[in-house]
Protein backbone atom coordinates (compact mmCIF):
# COMPACT_ATOMS: atom_id res chain seq x y z
CA MET A 1 35.87 -66.89 11.87
CA SER A 2 34.30 -64.00 13.81
CA ALA A 3 30.58 -63.27 13.95
CA THR A 4 31.16 -60.33 11.61
CA GLU A 5 33.06 -62.46 9.11
CA ARG A 6 30.41 -65.19 9.18
CA ALA A 7 27.60 -62.72 8.54
CA ILE A 8 29.44 -61.01 5.69
CA ALA A 9 30.42 -64.32 4.09
CA SER A 10 26.80 -65.50 4.19
CA THR A 11 25.63 -62.20 2.72
CA GLU A 12 28.14 -62.43 -0.11
CA ALA A 13 27.04 -65.97 -0.89
CA HIS A 14 23.27 -65.52 -0.77
CA SER A 15 22.50 -61.85 -1.46
CA ALA A 16 22.67 -60.08 -4.81
CA HIS A 17 25.65 -57.74 -4.84
CA ASN A 18 23.72 -54.56 -5.51
CA TYR A 19 25.34 -52.78 -2.55
CA HIS A 20 28.90 -52.49 -1.29
CA PRO A 21 28.37 -51.98 2.45
CA LEU A 22 31.11 -51.24 4.93
CA PRO A 23 32.24 -54.40 6.76
CA VAL A 24 30.24 -53.81 9.92
CA VAL A 25 27.25 -55.92 11.05
CA VAL A 26 24.84 -53.92 13.20
CA ALA A 27 22.86 -55.73 15.88
CA THR A 28 21.25 -52.95 17.95
CA ALA A 29 20.92 -49.18 17.85
CA ASP A 30 19.75 -46.31 20.01
CA GLY A 31 19.67 -42.61 19.21
CA ALA A 32 22.78 -41.79 17.21
CA TRP A 33 24.68 -44.94 18.18
CA MET A 34 24.78 -48.46 16.76
CA THR A 35 26.31 -51.62 18.23
CA ASP A 36 27.59 -54.49 16.10
CA VAL A 37 27.38 -58.24 16.63
CA GLU A 38 30.64 -58.18 18.56
CA GLY A 39 29.63 -55.41 20.94
CA ARG A 40 31.54 -52.55 19.30
CA ARG A 41 29.79 -49.16 19.31
CA PHE A 42 29.66 -46.85 16.31
CA LEU A 43 28.44 -43.28 15.92
CA ASP A 44 25.93 -43.18 13.07
CA MET A 45 26.78 -40.18 10.90
CA LEU A 46 24.67 -41.31 7.94
CA ALA A 47 21.20 -41.83 9.48
CA GLY A 48 20.02 -44.20 6.75
CA TYR A 49 20.45 -41.51 4.08
CA SER A 50 18.11 -39.27 6.16
CA ALA A 51 15.56 -42.01 6.86
CA LEU A 52 16.60 -41.87 10.53
CA ASN A 53 16.31 -38.14 11.11
CA PHE A 54 14.78 -38.80 14.52
CA GLY A 55 17.37 -41.37 15.56
CA HIS A 56 17.31 -45.10 16.12
CA GLY A 57 14.56 -46.43 18.35
CA ASN A 58 12.92 -43.05 18.90
CA ARG A 59 10.58 -43.69 21.81
CA ARG A 60 7.65 -41.71 20.46
CA LEU A 61 7.80 -43.49 17.11
CA ILE A 62 8.29 -46.95 18.58
CA ASP A 63 5.38 -46.43 20.98
CA ALA A 64 3.16 -45.25 18.12
CA ALA A 65 4.08 -48.33 16.09
CA LYS A 66 3.54 -50.71 19.01
CA ALA A 67 0.13 -49.25 19.79
CA GLN A 68 -0.96 -49.59 16.17
CA LEU A 69 0.41 -53.15 15.90
CA GLU A 70 -2.13 -54.18 18.54
CA ARG A 71 -5.03 -52.68 16.58
CA VAL A 72 -4.80 -53.14 12.79
CA THR A 73 -1.83 -53.01 10.39
CA LEU A 74 -3.32 -53.38 6.92
CA THR A 75 -6.72 -53.02 5.31
CA SER A 76 -5.62 -52.20 1.74
CA ARG A 77 -7.26 -49.19 0.16
CA ALA A 78 -10.33 -51.33 -0.55
CA PHE A 79 -11.65 -50.00 2.78
CA HIS A 80 -11.24 -46.89 4.89
CA HIS A 81 -9.33 -47.09 8.16
CA ASP A 82 -9.36 -44.74 11.12
CA ARG A 83 -5.81 -43.34 10.74
CA PHE A 84 -5.89 -42.45 7.07
CA ALA A 85 -7.89 -39.21 7.12
CA ASP A 86 -5.80 -37.76 9.96
CA PHE A 87 -2.57 -38.68 8.18
CA CYS A 88 -3.61 -37.04 4.92
CA THR A 89 -5.03 -33.97 6.64
CA GLN A 90 -2.08 -33.33 8.93
CA LEU A 91 0.62 -34.01 6.33
CA ALA A 92 -1.15 -31.70 3.87
CA GLU A 93 -1.27 -28.98 6.55
CA LEU A 94 2.44 -29.42 7.33
CA CYS A 95 3.21 -28.94 3.64
CA GLY A 96 0.77 -26.07 3.14
CA MET A 97 -0.99 -28.17 0.51
CA GLU A 98 -4.45 -29.69 0.07
CA MET A 99 -4.15 -33.36 -0.88
CA VAL A 100 -1.93 -36.38 -0.24
CA LEU A 101 -1.32 -39.51 -2.28
CA PRO A 102 0.50 -42.02 -0.04
CA MET A 103 2.89 -44.69 -1.26
CA ASN A 104 5.66 -46.71 0.39
CA THR A 105 9.13 -46.04 -0.99
CA GLY A 106 10.73 -42.90 -2.31
CA ALA A 107 11.04 -44.32 -5.81
CA GLU A 108 7.31 -45.13 -5.79
CA ALA A 109 6.59 -41.54 -4.83
CA VAL A 110 8.76 -40.21 -7.66
CA GLU A 111 7.03 -42.55 -10.12
CA THR A 112 3.71 -41.27 -8.78
CA ALA A 113 4.83 -37.68 -9.26
CA VAL A 114 5.82 -38.42 -12.87
CA LYS A 115 2.45 -40.05 -13.60
CA THR A 116 0.60 -37.22 -11.87
CA ALA A 117 2.43 -34.51 -13.81
CA ARG A 118 1.74 -36.23 -17.13
CA LYS A 119 -1.94 -36.74 -16.34
CA TRP A 120 -2.27 -33.12 -15.22
CA GLY A 121 -0.53 -32.04 -18.41
CA TYR A 122 -3.01 -33.86 -20.60
CA GLN A 123 -6.18 -33.15 -18.65
CA VAL A 124 -5.54 -29.63 -17.35
CA LYS A 125 -2.80 -28.00 -19.42
CA GLY A 126 -3.97 -29.52 -22.68
CA VAL A 127 -0.74 -31.12 -23.90
CA PRO A 128 -1.35 -33.39 -26.93
CA PRO A 129 -1.61 -37.12 -26.02
CA GLY A 130 1.76 -38.82 -25.63
CA GLN A 131 3.75 -35.56 -25.91
CA ALA A 132 4.29 -34.61 -22.25
CA LYS A 133 7.84 -33.70 -21.31
CA ILE A 134 9.47 -33.41 -17.89
CA VAL A 135 12.72 -31.48 -17.36
CA VAL A 136 15.20 -32.87 -14.83
CA ALA A 137 18.72 -31.99 -13.69
CA ALA A 138 21.99 -33.69 -14.50
CA ASN A 139 23.56 -35.72 -11.66
CA ASN A 140 20.13 -36.24 -10.13
CA PHE A 141 19.18 -39.13 -7.90
CA HIS A 142 15.47 -39.90 -7.67
CA GLY A 143 15.54 -43.70 -7.29
CA ARG A 144 16.34 -46.79 -9.31
CA THR A 145 13.23 -47.93 -11.15
CA THR A 146 13.39 -48.35 -14.91
CA THR A 147 11.69 -45.03 -15.61
CA ILE A 148 13.80 -43.15 -13.07
CA VAL A 149 17.15 -44.45 -14.32
CA SER A 150 15.99 -43.45 -17.80
CA PHE A 151 16.67 -39.83 -16.84
CA SER A 152 19.76 -40.47 -14.71
CA THR A 153 23.20 -39.36 -15.87
CA ASP A 154 24.93 -41.86 -13.57
CA GLN A 155 26.07 -44.64 -15.89
CA GLU A 156 26.55 -47.02 -12.97
CA ALA A 157 22.83 -46.72 -12.19
CA ARG A 158 21.75 -46.62 -15.83
CA ALA A 159 23.92 -48.95 -17.92
CA ASP A 160 22.38 -52.23 -19.17
CA PHE A 161 18.85 -51.38 -18.02
CA GLY A 162 17.49 -50.12 -21.34
CA PRO A 163 15.40 -49.61 -23.33
CA TYR A 164 14.71 -46.39 -21.52
CA THR A 165 11.49 -44.47 -20.91
CA PRO A 166 11.20 -41.38 -23.14
CA GLY A 167 9.76 -38.00 -22.21
CA PHE A 168 12.56 -36.44 -20.18
CA GLU A 169 15.04 -33.67 -20.91
CA ILE A 170 18.17 -33.24 -18.82
CA VAL A 171 19.72 -29.83 -18.12
CA PRO A 172 22.67 -28.78 -15.92
CA TYR A 173 21.76 -28.37 -12.25
CA GLY A 174 21.70 -24.74 -11.16
CA ASP A 175 21.50 -23.35 -14.72
CA LEU A 176 18.34 -21.27 -15.12
CA THR A 177 19.17 -20.31 -18.71
CA ALA A 178 19.36 -23.96 -19.76
CA LEU A 179 16.15 -24.72 -17.89
CA GLN A 180 14.34 -21.88 -19.63
CA ALA A 181 15.51 -23.10 -23.02
CA ALA A 182 14.35 -26.64 -22.25
CA CYS A 183 10.81 -25.66 -21.27
CA SER A 184 8.47 -25.94 -24.25
CA ALA A 185 4.71 -25.87 -24.77
CA ASN A 186 4.64 -29.61 -23.99
CA THR A 187 6.61 -29.38 -20.74
CA VAL A 188 4.40 -30.46 -17.86
CA ALA A 189 6.90 -30.39 -14.97
CA VAL A 190 10.36 -29.58 -13.71
CA LEU A 191 11.55 -32.24 -11.26
CA LEU A 192 14.45 -31.25 -9.00
CA GLU A 193 16.16 -32.02 -5.72
CA PRO A 194 16.47 -28.72 -3.80
CA ILE A 195 19.84 -30.11 -2.70
CA GLN A 196 21.37 -32.93 -4.71
CA GLY A 197 22.20 -35.68 -2.20
CA GLU A 198 23.81 -38.50 -4.14
CA ALA A 199 25.78 -36.00 -6.22
CA GLY A 200 27.62 -34.90 -3.07
CA VAL A 201 25.11 -32.82 -1.06
CA LEU A 202 25.26 -30.00 -3.62
CA VAL A 203 23.43 -26.75 -2.86
CA PRO A 204 22.35 -24.84 -5.98
CA PRO A 205 23.39 -21.21 -6.56
CA ALA A 206 21.53 -18.62 -4.50
CA GLY A 207 18.32 -17.64 -6.22
CA TYR A 208 18.11 -20.76 -8.35
CA LEU A 209 15.07 -22.32 -6.69
CA ALA A 210 13.29 -18.98 -6.64
CA GLY A 211 14.09 -18.64 -10.33
CA VAL A 212 12.72 -22.11 -11.04
CA ARG A 213 9.54 -21.19 -9.18
CA GLU A 214 9.10 -18.00 -11.20
CA LEU A 215 9.83 -19.71 -14.52
CA THR A 216 7.50 -22.64 -13.94
CA ARG A 217 4.70 -20.35 -12.86
CA GLU A 218 5.13 -18.21 -15.98
CA ARG A 219 5.14 -21.26 -18.28
CA ASN A 220 2.26 -23.11 -16.55
CA VAL A 221 4.62 -25.94 -15.60
CA LEU A 222 4.54 -27.88 -12.33
CA PHE A 223 7.53 -27.44 -10.03
CA ILE A 224 8.10 -30.80 -8.33
CA ALA A 225 10.51 -30.76 -5.38
CA ASP A 226 12.00 -34.14 -4.48
CA GLU A 227 12.50 -33.61 -0.74
CA ILE A 228 12.93 -37.30 0.05
CA GLN A 229 16.40 -36.72 1.52
CA SER A 230 16.43 -32.96 2.05
CA GLY A 231 13.01 -32.60 3.67
CA LEU A 232 11.49 -33.10 7.11
CA GLY A 233 14.04 -31.16 9.14
CA ARG A 234 17.35 -32.26 7.66
CA THR A 235 18.53 -28.82 6.49
CA GLY A 236 17.26 -26.80 9.44
CA ARG A 237 13.85 -26.12 7.88
CA THR A 238 10.94 -28.47 7.38
CA PHE A 239 11.71 -28.38 3.65
CA ALA A 240 14.91 -27.31 1.91
CA CYS A 241 12.86 -25.16 -0.49
CA GLU A 242 12.06 -22.88 2.45
CA HIS A 243 15.62 -21.53 2.46
CA GLU A 244 14.66 -19.53 -0.63
CA GLY A 245 11.08 -18.86 0.43
CA VAL A 246 9.83 -21.21 -2.28
CA VAL A 247 6.72 -23.38 -2.23
CA PRO A 248 6.64 -25.86 -5.12
CA ASP A 249 3.52 -27.25 -6.75
CA MET A 250 4.29 -30.72 -5.46
CA TYR A 251 6.41 -32.24 -2.70
CA VAL A 252 7.77 -35.76 -3.04
CA LEU A 253 8.44 -37.18 0.43
CA GLY A 254 9.81 -40.41 1.83
CA LYS A 255 12.59 -41.74 4.07
CA ALA A 256 12.16 -39.77 7.34
CA LEU A 257 8.37 -39.77 6.90
CA GLY A 258 8.47 -43.36 8.18
CA GLY A 259 10.74 -42.46 11.07
CA GLY A 260 13.15 -45.28 10.26
CA VAL A 261 10.44 -47.69 11.44
CA VAL A 262 8.42 -48.49 8.30
CA PRO A 263 8.65 -47.34 4.68
CA VAL A 264 6.31 -44.40 4.08
CA SER A 265 6.26 -42.01 1.15
CA ALA A 266 3.83 -39.50 -0.28
CA VAL A 267 3.13 -37.01 -3.02
CA VAL A 268 1.58 -33.83 -1.63
CA SER A 269 0.01 -31.20 -3.85
CA SER A 270 -3.10 -29.16 -4.61
CA SER A 271 -6.56 -30.49 -5.32
CA GLU A 272 -6.21 -29.24 -8.89
CA VAL A 273 -3.17 -31.49 -9.44
CA LEU A 274 -3.99 -34.60 -7.42
CA GLY A 275 -7.65 -34.23 -8.26
CA VAL A 276 -6.94 -35.60 -11.76
CA TYR A 277 -7.07 -39.18 -10.43
CA ARG A 278 -10.09 -41.43 -10.57
CA PRO A 279 -10.50 -44.86 -8.91
CA GLY A 280 -8.41 -47.57 -10.53
CA GLU A 281 -5.92 -45.24 -12.23
CA HIS A 282 -3.15 -45.53 -9.61
CA GLY A 283 -2.70 -47.28 -6.30
CA SER A 284 -0.73 -49.35 -3.82
CA THR A 285 -1.92 -52.15 -1.57
CA PHE A 286 0.33 -51.01 1.28
CA GLY A 287 0.30 -47.28 0.55
CA GLY A 288 -1.21 -45.39 3.48
CA ASN A 289 -1.65 -48.52 5.60
CA PRO A 290 -2.66 -48.07 9.27
CA LEU A 291 0.79 -48.83 10.67
CA ALA A 292 2.47 -46.42 8.27
CA CYS A 293 -0.06 -43.71 9.03
CA ALA A 294 0.35 -44.12 12.79
CA VAL A 295 4.12 -43.67 12.59
CA ALA A 296 3.95 -40.84 10.06
CA LEU A 297 1.38 -38.99 12.16
CA GLU A 298 3.86 -38.98 15.03
CA VAL A 299 6.58 -37.74 12.66
CA VAL A 300 4.33 -34.86 11.62
CA ALA A 301 3.55 -34.05 15.25
CA MET A 302 7.26 -33.91 16.09
CA LEU A 303 7.99 -31.63 13.16
CA ARG A 304 5.08 -29.32 13.91
CA THR A 305 6.83 -27.94 17.01
CA GLY A 306 9.87 -26.77 15.02
CA GLU A 307 12.28 -27.97 17.70
CA LEU A 308 14.06 -30.49 15.51
CA GLN A 309 14.40 -28.00 12.68
CA GLN A 310 15.96 -25.49 15.08
CA ARG A 311 18.31 -28.15 16.40
CA ALA A 312 19.37 -29.11 12.88
CA SER A 313 19.98 -25.45 12.07
CA GLU A 314 22.11 -24.75 15.14
CA LEU A 315 24.10 -27.98 15.04
CA GLY A 316 24.35 -27.64 11.28
CA ASP A 317 25.97 -24.22 11.62
CA HIS A 318 28.48 -25.78 14.01
CA LEU A 319 29.09 -28.76 11.71
CA HIS A 320 29.76 -26.59 8.66
CA HIS A 321 31.98 -24.22 10.61
CA GLU A 322 34.16 -27.10 11.80
CA LEU A 323 34.25 -28.77 8.40
CA GLY A 324 35.06 -25.44 6.74
CA LEU A 325 38.22 -25.22 8.83
CA LEU A 326 39.46 -28.39 7.13
CA VAL A 327 39.35 -26.82 3.66
CA GLY A 328 42.70 -25.57 2.42
CA GLY A 329 44.78 -27.79 4.65
CA GLY A 330 45.54 -30.22 1.87
CA ALA A 331 43.18 -33.02 2.91
CA VAL A 332 39.78 -31.52 2.02
CA ASP A 333 39.15 -29.76 -1.28
CA ALA A 334 35.62 -28.51 -0.56
CA VAL A 335 32.62 -28.83 1.74
CA SER A 336 29.01 -28.42 0.64
CA GLY A 337 25.58 -28.88 2.16
CA ARG A 338 23.18 -27.25 4.57
CA GLY A 339 22.01 -27.98 8.11
CA LEU A 340 23.00 -31.39 9.44
CA TRP A 341 23.93 -32.54 5.96
CA ALA A 342 27.35 -32.20 4.36
CA GLY A 343 29.43 -33.49 1.52
CA VAL A 344 33.17 -33.50 2.15
CA ASP A 345 35.36 -33.71 -0.95
CA ILE A 346 38.53 -35.56 -0.03
CA ALA A 347 41.76 -34.57 -1.77
CA PRO A 348 42.95 -37.47 -3.98
CA SER A 349 46.29 -37.47 -2.17
CA HIS A 350 44.51 -38.50 1.03
CA GLY A 351 42.55 -41.42 -0.42
CA THR A 352 39.17 -42.21 -1.87
CA GLY A 353 35.87 -41.62 -0.12
CA ARG A 354 35.63 -45.36 0.47
CA GLU A 355 39.07 -45.50 2.08
CA ILE A 356 38.25 -42.57 4.37
CA SER A 357 34.94 -44.22 5.31
CA GLU A 358 36.71 -47.45 6.22
CA LYS A 359 39.28 -45.62 8.34
CA LEU A 360 36.49 -43.78 10.15
CA MET A 361 34.72 -47.10 10.73
CA ASP A 362 37.87 -48.41 12.39
CA ARG A 363 37.64 -45.45 14.78
CA GLY A 364 33.95 -45.96 15.54
CA VAL A 365 32.29 -43.56 13.09
CA LEU A 366 30.02 -44.63 10.23
CA VAL A 367 29.71 -42.50 7.10
CA LYS A 368 29.42 -43.45 3.43
CA ASP A 369 31.16 -42.37 0.26
CA THR A 370 29.64 -41.19 -2.99
CA HIS A 371 31.09 -40.43 -6.42
CA GLY A 372 34.52 -41.69 -5.50
CA SER A 373 36.03 -38.82 -3.57
CA THR A 374 33.18 -37.51 -1.40
CA ILE A 375 31.95 -38.64 2.00
CA ARG A 376 28.47 -37.76 3.18
CA ILE A 377 27.80 -36.68 6.75
CA ALA A 378 24.17 -36.73 7.88
CA PRO A 379 23.76 -37.69 11.55
CA PRO A 380 20.36 -38.10 13.18
CA LEU A 381 18.91 -34.72 14.13
CA VAL A 382 18.81 -35.88 17.76
CA ILE A 383 22.61 -36.25 17.98
CA GLY A 384 24.23 -34.50 20.94
CA LYS A 385 26.80 -31.76 20.29
CA GLU A 386 29.38 -33.71 22.25
CA ASP A 387 28.85 -36.79 20.11
CA LEU A 388 28.98 -34.71 16.94
CA ASP A 389 32.29 -33.17 18.07
CA TRP A 390 33.62 -36.63 18.93
CA GLY A 391 32.85 -37.78 15.41
CA LEU A 392 34.49 -34.69 13.91
CA ASP A 393 37.59 -35.34 16.02
CA ARG A 394 37.80 -38.82 14.52
CA LEU A 395 37.57 -37.30 11.03
CA ARG A 396 40.43 -34.93 11.86
CA GLU A 397 42.51 -37.87 13.05
CA VAL A 398 41.90 -39.81 9.85
CA LEU A 399 42.72 -36.83 7.63
CA ALA A 400 45.87 -36.15 9.63
CA GLY A 401 46.94 -39.78 9.19
CA ALA A 402 46.96 -40.41 12.94
């Protein structure tokens, strides 16, 4: 039995089967490349679902983490620490906002956004107690907690986890008319992904986000943008909302905020919105810990220059041009996405997304399927053009049956 087979067998025996990973066992990684336990190299074209926007082992982020490890890693929020104020200040400035509420995981940040919107609705908007409503989009993915799956339309994520949390209304993604009809006097927020990742990297119709912004402002409703996957450079802008010149009332951030080093998430908004909290009403022992703040501060510093956003824009244009050439040839039905982020819909005659992913793995490229027929492509923003083209060549080979 090989080292790979031993590791997978042990995983199957002792780990809950809540994932269906590709049969590769990674041992080391650097930049856009990973090496498995048997010394085989693979081009990472998934980047941890955008958690690794800055690549594996990014020197600036590793050095920031190492330096902080020697000082202090956790105080809890019972005390102040010397990295917290800078983190909150600089992240708020990057977002063009005023206040930050740090958490750890993306799902925690979404839960925090939900709680914040409800509390704002009761205390500021004047919604009757217990009547707050949040409008969300069909085919969303915001996490997997009990409350979040309560407003999911993915039965695989939702089934057998009831009873479900009330207070949510689901409308079709990209449909402003349906959204307008769903907003009532008790609506406190509209929660959306500017680009739906898990649904297949779906970009909404042009003008949709701007329309959401106008509608929510007219109705005194918070516009919450879940930029956990789409934000922090992935689409060629710091935030995907920027492509329509939109600034929401609240950003929900995660994944790349921790640089692929530690889990870091945050809700970023105005003082009017986040100012509704008082001590004891919400918290997290690890949220905003010194190690997390040190890494996230370096992430913010890297994004402030705009270089990575420009790189994602230029390489993204190249990626989408090359993928667009595959449409109409019989193997690819459609391509969607923006920047260094794409969903490729495989024609059923050429196999499932899982089968294409496995064939790419055999050729040294790692992607992942979603919704049966789609593969997601989201390499680290630091990937070289030559490496990106090498990965695209492997995709062409697989689709051609070579």
